[in-house]
Amino acid sequence: MPSRPRLLYADSEGRILDWPLLEMVGRSGHEWRRLQQRDWIPLPPGSELFLLPGRLPVGFNPRNKRFETLSEDPYEPGSRIQAVATFMSPAHTQVYAAAWESLPAAPLLPLFAYTAVGWHKGEFVAAGVRVDQDERQDYRNFDPVRIRRNARARMQREPENRLIQHLGHCALTYGCPAARNLFMNRWEAPLPTSPACNARCLGCISLQDREDLCATQDRIRFVPTPEEICGVAVPHLEKAPKAVVSFGQGCEGEPLLQAETIAESVRAMRQSTTRGTVNLNTNGSLPEGVERLCRAGLDSMRVSINSCRPDCYRAYFRPRGYDFQDLKRSILAMKSHGGFVSINYFVLPGFTDEEEEWQALRQFVEDTRIDLIQMRNLNIDPEWYLRELNVPPGRKALGMRQLMNRIQDELPDVDLGYYNPCLDREAV
């Protein structure tokens, strides 16, 4: 039988070590799972390793066929240790989350995705799969020197454009991949517009009211004018290879709350150029706003969703002034105008691949005729998420790979991926 990856842990100095007597283990919902050979890949370049405070690593002992919690450093008995996870680079979806045992009063984890990671034949491996071959956010494709030079030059050249200044900050301070691509003059560029939101997502990365949880980036504090938006979008649409410009970013609230400004901007863009794709990332809360944007020339739309079960959706998004059915109405509005629609599907192993969730997803796809499912890892402490959604243990899970196989076999008209595609074949 082929060897399995070894358990990783962090010692008291924060050094990451492997322990050969225990196998790497994955988490599916409330359960720990032993990995099969198809469940891991070499750690993708650009991934990060995280130490998990207040959490002990869990491995599988192949000698006694049991899961075991490693409670101290096996190389230095009595020394404290921590569990380890990876935040995989874009275009990869986790098959299993990291496995750990939480100690009393373990702090809430920051808003990242925690994928199982191990050590196998001299390299790190992760419990994941690549779901999109597009290289637009691959680590090796970013040139930090060029990005800094281009961002600073454009910020100096356009000091009155507040959106350029904001995106320069995103690229230089937070390393936002979309903002970095803007300043490398290629692929998908961001157009944040809305400082307000009509949802209170548990895992919102731009605004948090909990004292024990920090947003991972600053939310935009102004509504850019159509002139400022077009100042970013039009040059990109005209010249960038595979050009996409997208409203609705991690550094903003809900763009449909600024539908009038966005509609005016889209009309102006399309008066200047027909090249590229104009996209909206949204929670889909305002179908009337979607209608307005379609008439203005919007090409594609991505709707964020954590579950196709309304109760689970409400528990995470905590919507204000809209409900789950509005998402469907927005998608159908976009489809009625011939637009392309994807869902930004926030996935967590053991929840997303439950049989009940799969049945709800299949019905949702059949009802809405969406074109693409973007398999995005949910950035949240998984234990907190399961508690907030009241997910009981013992639920039947298909497995993430089996879920993706079912989507491809039983929903042949919908694709799996990770990114918003450029729909303009001439924009090469």
Protein backbone atom coordinates (compact mmCIF):
# COMPACT_ATOMS: atom_id res chain seq x y z
CA MET A 1 0.00 0.00 0.00
CA PRO A 2 1.38 3.47 -0.89
CA SER A 3 2.63 5.54 2.01
CA ARG A 4 0.50 8.39 3.28
CA PRO A 5 1.62 11.90 4.25
CA ARG A 6 2.95 12.49 7.75
CA LEU A 7 1.39 14.68 10.39
CA LEU A 8 2.75 18.22 10.71
CA TYR A 9 2.82 20.32 13.87
CA ALA A 10 4.48 23.50 15.14
CA ASP A 11 6.81 23.34 18.13
CA SER A 12 7.09 25.89 20.93
CA GLU A 13 9.35 28.07 18.75
CA GLY A 14 6.93 28.02 15.82
CA ARG A 15 9.04 25.65 13.74
CA ILE A 16 7.03 23.24 11.59
CA LEU A 17 8.01 19.59 12.01
CA ASP A 18 6.68 16.25 10.87
CA TRP A 19 6.02 13.19 13.06
CA PRO A 20 6.46 9.93 11.13
CA LEU A 21 4.41 7.76 13.49
CA LEU A 22 1.14 9.57 12.70
CA GLU A 23 -0.50 10.19 9.33
CA MET A 24 -1.87 13.51 8.16
CA VAL A 25 -5.63 13.66 8.77
CA GLY A 26 -8.43 15.72 7.21
CA ARG A 27 -11.60 17.17 8.67
CA SER A 28 -15.04 16.75 7.12
CA GLY A 29 -17.64 18.64 9.10
CA HIS A 30 -17.42 17.35 12.67
CA GLU A 31 -15.48 14.21 11.69
CA TRP A 32 -11.83 13.33 11.15
CA ARG A 33 -11.00 11.35 8.04
CA ARG A 34 -8.03 9.26 6.95
CA LEU A 35 -6.78 10.40 3.54
CA GLN A 36 -6.70 8.31 0.38
CA GLN A 37 -4.00 8.74 -2.27
CA ARG A 38 -6.22 10.87 -4.51
CA ASP A 39 -6.89 13.32 -1.67
CA TRP A 40 -3.60 15.24 -1.69
CA ILE A 41 -1.49 17.26 -4.11
CA PRO A 42 1.89 19.00 -3.78
CA LEU A 43 1.39 22.25 -1.90
CA PRO A 44 0.65 24.83 -4.63
CA PRO A 45 3.24 27.62 -4.97
CA GLY A 46 2.10 30.78 -3.21
CA SER A 47 0.22 28.89 -0.49
CA GLU A 48 0.78 29.89 3.13
CA LEU A 49 1.23 27.84 6.29
CA PHE A 50 -0.64 28.85 9.44
CA LEU A 51 -0.12 27.99 13.09
CA LEU A 52 -3.40 27.39 14.91
CA PRO A 53 -3.34 28.74 18.47
CA GLY A 54 -5.14 26.75 21.15
CA ARG A 55 -5.44 23.72 18.88
CA LEU A 56 -3.64 20.38 19.01
CA PRO A 57 -2.89 18.39 15.83
CA VAL A 58 -4.77 15.17 15.15
CA GLY A 59 -3.27 12.28 13.19
CA PHE A 60 -4.02 8.67 12.39
CA ASN A 61 -2.00 5.88 13.96
CA PRO A 62 -1.76 3.07 11.36
CA ARG A 63 -0.55 0.58 13.98
CA ASN A 64 -3.65 0.63 16.16
CA LYS A 65 -5.98 2.06 13.46
CA ARG A 66 -7.07 5.01 15.60
CA PHE A 67 -7.10 8.77 15.44
CA GLU A 68 -4.80 10.32 18.02
CA THR A 69 -4.30 13.83 19.34
CA LEU A 70 -0.65 14.86 19.65
CA SER A 71 -0.59 16.73 22.96
CA GLU A 72 3.12 17.51 23.32
CA ASP A 73 6.28 17.68 21.26
CA PRO A 74 7.42 14.08 20.67
CA TYR A 75 10.98 15.31 20.18
CA GLU A 76 10.92 17.40 23.37
CA PRO A 77 8.41 15.82 25.76
CA GLY A 78 6.58 18.38 27.85
CA SER A 79 6.94 21.18 25.31
CA ARG A 80 3.77 22.78 23.93
CA ILE A 81 2.77 22.41 20.30
CA GLN A 82 0.15 23.76 17.87
CA ALA A 83 -1.74 22.38 14.92
CA VAL A 84 -0.85 23.55 11.42
CA ALA A 85 -2.96 24.30 8.31
CA THR A 86 -2.43 25.78 4.87
CA PHE A 87 -4.19 28.58 3.05
CA MET A 88 -3.97 27.31 -0.52
CA SER A 89 -3.23 29.64 -3.39
CA PRO A 90 -6.10 30.65 -5.71
CA ALA A 91 -7.64 28.21 -8.20
CA HIS A 92 -7.51 25.36 -5.65
CA THR A 93 -10.41 23.92 -3.66
CA GLN A 94 -9.93 22.01 -0.42
CA VAL A 95 -10.96 18.37 -0.18
CA TYR A 96 -10.51 18.33 3.59
CA ALA A 97 -10.04 21.00 6.20
CA ALA A 98 -7.26 20.65 8.75
CA ALA A 99 -7.92 18.32 11.70
CA TRP A 100 -7.33 19.49 15.27
CA GLU A 101 -8.63 19.26 18.81
CA SER A 102 -9.45 22.64 20.33
CA LEU A 103 -8.29 23.38 23.85
CA PRO A 104 -10.59 25.23 26.30
CA ALA A 105 -10.82 28.94 25.47
CA ALA A 106 -9.15 28.49 22.07
CA PRO A 107 -9.40 31.85 20.25
CA LEU A 108 -11.54 32.32 17.17
CA LEU A 109 -9.45 31.81 14.04
CA PRO A 110 -8.99 34.71 11.59
CA LEU A 111 -10.90 34.77 8.31
CA PHE A 112 -8.92 32.37 6.19
CA ALA A 113 -9.52 28.87 4.83
CA TYR A 114 -7.77 26.14 6.81
CA THR A 115 -6.84 23.22 4.58
CA ALA A 116 -5.20 20.02 5.81
CA VAL A 117 -1.46 19.94 5.14
CA GLY A 118 1.15 17.22 5.59
CA TRP A 119 4.64 16.05 4.65
CA HIS A 120 5.19 13.39 1.99
CA LYS A 121 8.36 12.24 0.25
CA GLY A 122 10.31 15.40 1.00
CA GLU A 123 7.63 18.02 0.27
CA PHE A 124 4.52 19.64 1.71
CA VAL A 125 1.20 18.33 0.43
CA ALA A 126 -2.32 19.75 0.78
CA ALA A 127 -5.75 18.10 0.80
CA GLY A 128 -7.00 19.91 -2.28
CA VAL A 129 -7.51 19.91 -6.02
CA ARG A 130 -6.96 22.48 -8.74
CA VAL A 131 -10.37 23.41 -10.17
CA ASP A 132 -9.35 26.09 -12.68
CA GLN A 133 -6.36 26.03 -15.02
CA ASP A 134 -6.47 29.80 -15.55
CA GLU A 135 -3.17 31.25 -14.28
CA ARG A 136 -4.35 34.80 -13.61
CA GLN A 137 -3.55 34.67 -9.89
CA ASP A 138 -0.70 32.14 -9.90
CA TYR A 139 2.12 33.27 -7.65
CA ARG A 140 4.83 32.93 -10.29
CA ASN A 141 3.06 35.35 -12.61
CA PHE A 142 3.36 38.37 -10.31
CA ASP A 143 6.36 40.68 -10.64
CA PRO A 144 6.54 42.69 -7.38
CA VAL A 145 9.01 45.22 -8.77
CA ARG A 146 6.88 45.92 -11.82
CA ILE A 147 3.70 46.12 -9.75
CA ARG A 148 5.22 48.66 -7.34
CA ARG A 149 6.62 50.72 -10.19
CA ASN A 150 3.41 50.74 -12.20
CA ALA A 151 1.13 51.36 -9.22
CA ARG A 152 3.16 54.27 -7.90
CA ALA A 153 3.51 55.79 -11.36
CA ARG A 154 -0.21 55.63 -12.04
CA MET A 155 -1.10 56.95 -8.60
CA GLN A 156 1.18 59.94 -9.25
CA ARG A 157 -0.17 60.39 -12.77
CA GLU A 158 -3.83 60.34 -11.67
CA PRO A 159 -3.86 61.93 -8.19
CA GLU A 160 -7.47 63.10 -8.52
CA ASN A 161 -8.85 59.63 -9.22
CA ARG A 162 -9.72 58.29 -5.77
CA LEU A 163 -10.37 54.81 -7.12
CA ILE A 164 -6.84 54.58 -8.53
CA GLN A 165 -5.48 55.65 -5.14
CA HIS A 166 -7.60 53.05 -3.35
CA LEU A 167 -6.57 50.23 -5.69
CA GLY A 168 -2.93 51.24 -5.44
CA HIS A 169 -3.23 50.84 -1.69
CA CYS A 170 -4.88 47.43 -2.18
CA ALA A 171 -2.05 46.27 -4.44
CA LEU A 172 0.84 47.63 -2.40
CA THR A 173 -0.45 47.03 1.14
CA TYR A 174 -2.67 43.94 0.93
CA GLY A 175 -1.25 42.30 -2.18
CA CYS A 176 -4.74 41.97 -3.68
CA PRO A 177 -4.29 39.74 -6.76
CA ALA A 178 -6.95 41.59 -8.77
CA ALA A 179 -5.40 44.98 -8.00
CA ARG A 180 -1.94 43.66 -8.83
CA ASN A 181 -3.22 42.42 -12.19
CA LEU A 182 -4.68 45.86 -12.87
CA PHE A 183 -1.23 47.39 -12.46
CA MET A 184 0.28 44.70 -14.65
CA ASN A 185 -2.29 45.71 -17.31
CA ARG A 186 -3.83 42.28 -17.77
CA TRP A 187 -6.77 39.95 -17.11
CA GLU A 188 -9.36 40.79 -14.43
CA ALA A 189 -9.32 44.22 -12.78
CA PRO A 190 -11.35 45.33 -9.72
CA LEU A 191 -13.89 48.18 -9.56
CA PRO A 192 -14.99 48.54 -5.90
CA THR A 193 -17.85 51.01 -5.53
CA SER A 194 -19.92 50.47 -2.41
CA PRO A 195 -19.06 51.34 1.20
CA ALA A 196 -22.47 50.00 2.37
CA CYS A 197 -23.95 46.52 2.51
CA ASN A 198 -27.36 44.92 3.08
CA ALA A 199 -25.97 41.70 4.56
CA ARG A 200 -24.02 41.00 7.75
CA CYS A 201 -22.02 37.97 6.69
CA LEU A 202 -20.37 36.00 9.46
CA GLY A 203 -17.16 35.89 7.45
CA CYS A 204 -17.17 39.41 5.99
CA ILE A 205 -13.54 40.23 5.25
CA SER A 206 -14.00 44.01 5.05
CA LEU A 207 -16.18 44.86 8.09
CA GLN A 208 -16.51 43.10 11.44
CA ASP A 209 -18.26 44.24 14.62
CA ARG A 210 -16.86 41.43 16.78
CA GLU A 211 -14.02 42.38 19.11
CA ASP A 212 -12.39 38.97 18.67
CA LEU A 213 -12.39 39.00 14.87
CA CYS A 214 -10.62 41.46 12.57
CA ALA A 215 -11.49 42.24 8.97
CA THR A 216 -8.59 41.25 6.73
CA GLN A 217 -8.68 44.43 4.63
CA ASP A 218 -10.07 47.96 4.63
CA ARG A 219 -13.46 48.62 3.06
CA ILE A 220 -13.72 51.45 0.56
CA ARG A 221 -15.08 54.58 2.25
CA PHE A 222 -16.45 56.48 -0.72
CA VAL A 223 -18.57 55.93 -3.83
CA PRO A 224 -16.41 56.65 -6.87
CA THR A 225 -17.91 58.74 -9.64
CA PRO A 226 -18.62 57.22 -13.06
CA GLU A 227 -15.67 59.25 -14.35
CA GLU A 228 -13.34 57.71 -11.77
CA ILE A 229 -14.67 54.22 -12.51
CA CYS A 230 -14.25 54.64 -16.25
CA GLY A 231 -10.78 56.04 -15.69
CA VAL A 232 -9.84 52.61 -14.37
CA ALA A 233 -12.06 50.41 -16.54
CA VAL A 234 -11.84 51.83 -20.05
CA PRO A 235 -8.04 51.64 -20.53
CA HIS A 236 -8.12 48.13 -19.13
CA LEU A 237 -10.95 46.98 -21.39
CA GLU A 238 -9.30 48.55 -24.43
CA LYS A 239 -5.84 46.99 -24.04
CA ALA A 240 -5.57 44.23 -21.45
CA PRO A 241 -5.37 40.60 -22.63
CA LYS A 242 -8.49 38.64 -21.63
CA ALA A 243 -9.87 41.84 -20.18
CA VAL A 244 -12.48 41.65 -17.42
CA VAL A 245 -13.53 44.48 -15.11
CA SER A 246 -15.51 43.50 -12.03
CA PHE A 247 -17.68 45.43 -9.62
CA GLY A 248 -18.05 43.81 -6.22
CA GLN A 249 -14.77 43.18 -4.42
CA GLY A 250 -13.61 41.99 -1.02
CA CYS A 251 -12.84 45.60 -0.10
CA GLU A 252 -16.44 46.80 -0.40
CA GLY A 253 -20.03 46.12 0.59
CA GLU A 254 -22.83 45.30 -1.86
CA PRO A 255 -22.44 46.96 -5.28
CA LEU A 256 -26.15 46.72 -6.15
CA LEU A 257 -26.73 49.44 -3.56
CA GLN A 258 -24.90 51.69 -6.03
CA ALA A 259 -26.77 50.40 -9.10
CA GLU A 260 -27.43 53.89 -10.49
CA THR A 261 -23.76 54.86 -10.41
CA ILE A 262 -22.69 51.50 -11.82
CA ALA A 263 -25.27 51.62 -14.62
CA GLU A 264 -24.06 55.08 -15.67
CA SER A 265 -20.49 53.81 -15.59
CA VAL A 266 -21.26 50.72 -17.68
CA ARG A 267 -23.05 52.79 -20.31
CA ALA A 268 -20.06 55.11 -20.53
CA MET A 269 -17.65 52.17 -20.81
CA ARG A 270 -19.61 50.66 -23.64
CA GLN A 271 -19.78 53.97 -25.44
CA SER A 272 -15.98 53.98 -25.38
CA THR A 273 -15.31 50.33 -26.20
CA THR A 274 -17.12 47.05 -26.82
CA ARG A 275 -14.03 45.03 -25.97
CA GLY A 276 -13.70 42.75 -22.91
CA THR A 277 -16.20 41.70 -20.27
CA VAL A 278 -18.00 43.82 -17.67
CA ASN A 279 -18.84 41.71 -14.65
CA LEU A 280 -20.70 42.17 -11.37
CA ASN A 281 -19.88 40.24 -8.19
CA THR A 282 -22.91 40.54 -5.92
CA ASN A 283 -25.15 38.96 -3.30
CA GLY A 284 -27.98 39.19 -5.85
CA SER A 285 -30.27 40.96 -3.41
CA LEU A 286 -31.89 43.54 -5.71
CA PRO A 287 -33.35 42.08 -8.92
CA GLU A 288 -34.50 45.53 -10.08
CA GLY A 289 -30.91 46.74 -9.88
CA VAL A 290 -29.75 43.78 -11.92
CA GLU A 291 -32.36 44.63 -14.58
CA ARG A 292 -31.02 48.18 -14.72
CA LEU A 293 -27.44 46.99 -15.14
CA CYS A 294 -28.41 44.50 -17.84
CA ARG A 295 -30.01 47.29 -19.84
CA ALA A 296 -26.84 49.35 -19.39
CA GLY A 297 -24.67 46.61 -20.91
CA LEU A 298 -23.55 44.28 -18.09
CA ASP A 299 -22.11 41.06 -19.56
CA SER A 300 -21.83 38.69 -16.61
CA MET A 301 -22.74 38.32 -12.96
CA ARG A 302 -21.46 36.21 -10.08
CA VAL A 303 -23.71 35.66 -7.06
CA SER A 304 -22.13 34.69 -3.74
CA ILE A 305 -23.78 31.85 -1.86
CA ASN A 306 -22.74 29.53 0.96
CA SER A 307 -25.67 27.14 0.67
CA CYS A 308 -28.63 26.45 -1.57
CA ARG A 309 -30.74 25.77 1.52
CA PRO A 310 -32.47 29.04 2.48
CA ASP A 311 -32.12 28.56 6.24
CA CYS A 312 -28.38 27.89 5.98
CA TYR A 313 -28.00 30.84 3.61
CA ARG A 314 -29.74 33.20 6.04
CA ALA A 315 -27.67 31.96 8.99
CA TYR A 316 -24.43 32.96 7.23
CA PHE A 317 -25.37 36.03 5.18
CA ARG A 318 -27.87 37.44 7.69
CA PRO A 319 -29.60 39.49 4.95
CA ARG A 320 -31.29 42.83 5.61
CA GLY A 321 -34.24 43.71 3.39
CA TYR A 322 -33.99 40.78 0.99
CA ASP A 323 -34.27 37.01 1.05
CA PHE A 324 -33.05 33.90 -0.72
CA GLN A 325 -35.69 34.06 -3.44
CA ASP A 326 -34.35 37.45 -4.52
CA LEU A 327 -31.10 35.74 -5.53
CA LYS A 328 -33.00 33.51 -7.91
CA ARG A 329 -34.93 36.46 -9.33
CA SER A 330 -31.67 38.32 -9.97
CA ILE A 331 -30.13 35.34 -11.72
CA LEU A 332 -33.21 34.81 -13.88
CA ALA A 333 -33.19 38.52 -14.77
CA MET A 334 -29.59 38.26 -15.95
CA LYS A 335 -30.29 35.09 -17.91
CA SER A 336 -33.34 36.67 -19.56
CA HIS A 337 -31.00 39.29 -21.04
CA GLY A 338 -28.64 36.63 -22.39
CA GLY A 339 -26.05 37.24 -19.69
CA PHE A 340 -23.55 34.80 -18.20
CA VAL A 341 -24.11 33.82 -14.56
CA SER A 342 -21.93 32.01 -12.06
CA ILE A 343 -22.24 31.42 -8.34
CA ASN A 344 -19.42 32.13 -5.93
CA TYR A 345 -19.96 28.91 -3.95
CA PHE A 346 -18.34 29.12 -0.51
CA VAL A 347 -17.40 25.52 0.22
CA LEU A 348 -16.49 23.68 3.42
CA PRO A 349 -15.90 19.90 3.41
CA GLY A 350 -18.50 18.05 5.44
CA PHE A 351 -21.12 20.75 4.85
CA THR A 352 -21.06 21.60 1.15
CA ASP A 353 -20.86 17.92 0.23
CA GLU A 354 -23.74 16.80 2.45
CA GLU A 355 -26.35 14.83 0.53
CA GLU A 356 -29.02 17.37 1.44
CA GLU A 357 -26.91 20.28 0.21
CA TRP A 358 -26.13 18.46 -3.03
CA GLN A 359 -29.82 17.91 -3.69
CA ALA A 360 -30.50 21.61 -3.00
CA LEU A 361 -27.65 22.66 -5.31
CA ARG A 362 -28.93 20.46 -8.11
CA GLN A 363 -32.42 21.95 -7.81
CA PHE A 364 -30.97 25.47 -7.68
CA VAL A 365 -29.00 24.90 -10.89
CA GLU A 366 -32.02 23.43 -12.63
CA ASP A 367 -34.19 26.37 -11.55
CA THR A 368 -31.75 29.12 -12.52
CA ARG A 369 -29.74 27.66 -15.45
CA ILE A 370 -26.48 29.16 -14.18
CA ASP A 371 -23.40 28.67 -16.34
CA LEU A 372 -20.57 28.19 -13.83
CA ILE A 373 -19.95 27.17 -10.22
CA GLN A 374 -16.86 28.80 -8.75
CA MET A 375 -15.63 26.46 -6.01
CA ARG A 376 -14.26 28.94 -3.47
CA ASN A 377 -12.98 27.89 -0.04
CA LEU A 378 -14.95 29.50 2.77
CA ASN A 379 -12.69 31.80 4.80
CA ILE A 380 -13.85 31.10 8.34
CA ASP A 381 -13.11 29.12 11.47
CA PRO A 382 -14.92 25.86 10.56
CA GLU A 383 -15.95 25.04 14.13
CA TRP A 384 -17.54 28.46 14.54
CA TYR A 385 -19.31 28.13 11.19
CA LEU A 386 -20.80 24.74 12.07
CA ARG A 387 -21.98 26.07 15.44
CA GLU A 388 -23.58 29.19 13.98
CA LEU A 389 -25.43 27.15 11.36
CA ASN A 390 -26.45 24.52 13.94
CA VAL A 391 -24.98 21.70 11.86
CA PRO A 392 -25.29 18.49 13.90
CA PRO A 393 -22.67 15.71 13.81
CA GLY A 394 -23.35 12.52 11.96
CA ARG A 395 -24.68 14.04 8.73
CA LYS A 396 -23.94 12.06 5.57
CA ALA A 397 -21.23 13.64 3.38
CA LEU A 398 -20.46 12.54 -0.16
CA GLY A 399 -16.86 13.78 -0.16
CA MET A 400 -15.76 16.85 -2.07
CA ARG A 401 -14.37 14.91 -5.02
CA GLN A 402 -17.57 12.89 -5.30
CA LEU A 403 -19.60 16.10 -5.16
CA MET A 404 -17.62 17.59 -8.04
CA ASN A 405 -17.97 14.37 -10.00
CA ARG A 406 -21.74 14.44 -9.51
CA ILE A 407 -21.94 18.05 -10.65
CA GLN A 408 -20.09 17.20 -13.84
CA ASP A 409 -22.07 14.00 -14.46
CA GLU A 410 -25.58 15.11 -13.53
CA LEU A 411 -25.39 18.83 -14.41
CA PRO A 412 -23.54 18.75 -17.73
CA ASP A 413 -24.58 22.28 -18.72
CA VAL A 414 -22.77 23.91 -15.80
CA ASP A 415 -18.98 24.20 -15.55
CA LEU A 416 -16.72 24.11 -12.50
CA GLY A 417 -14.04 26.73 -12.04
CA TYR A 418 -12.70 29.51 -9.86
CA TYR A 419 -12.58 32.75 -11.87
CA ASN A 420 -14.87 35.05 -13.83
CA PRO A 421 -14.20 34.25 -17.49
CA CYS A 422 -13.53 36.74 -20.24
CA LEU A 423 -16.45 36.23 -22.62
CA ASP A 424 -14.96 38.27 -25.46
CA ARG A 425 -13.00 35.88 -27.67
CA GLU A 426 -11.45 38.82 -29.51
CA ALA A 427 -9.88 40.20 -26.31
CA VAL A 428 -6.71 38.13 -26.53
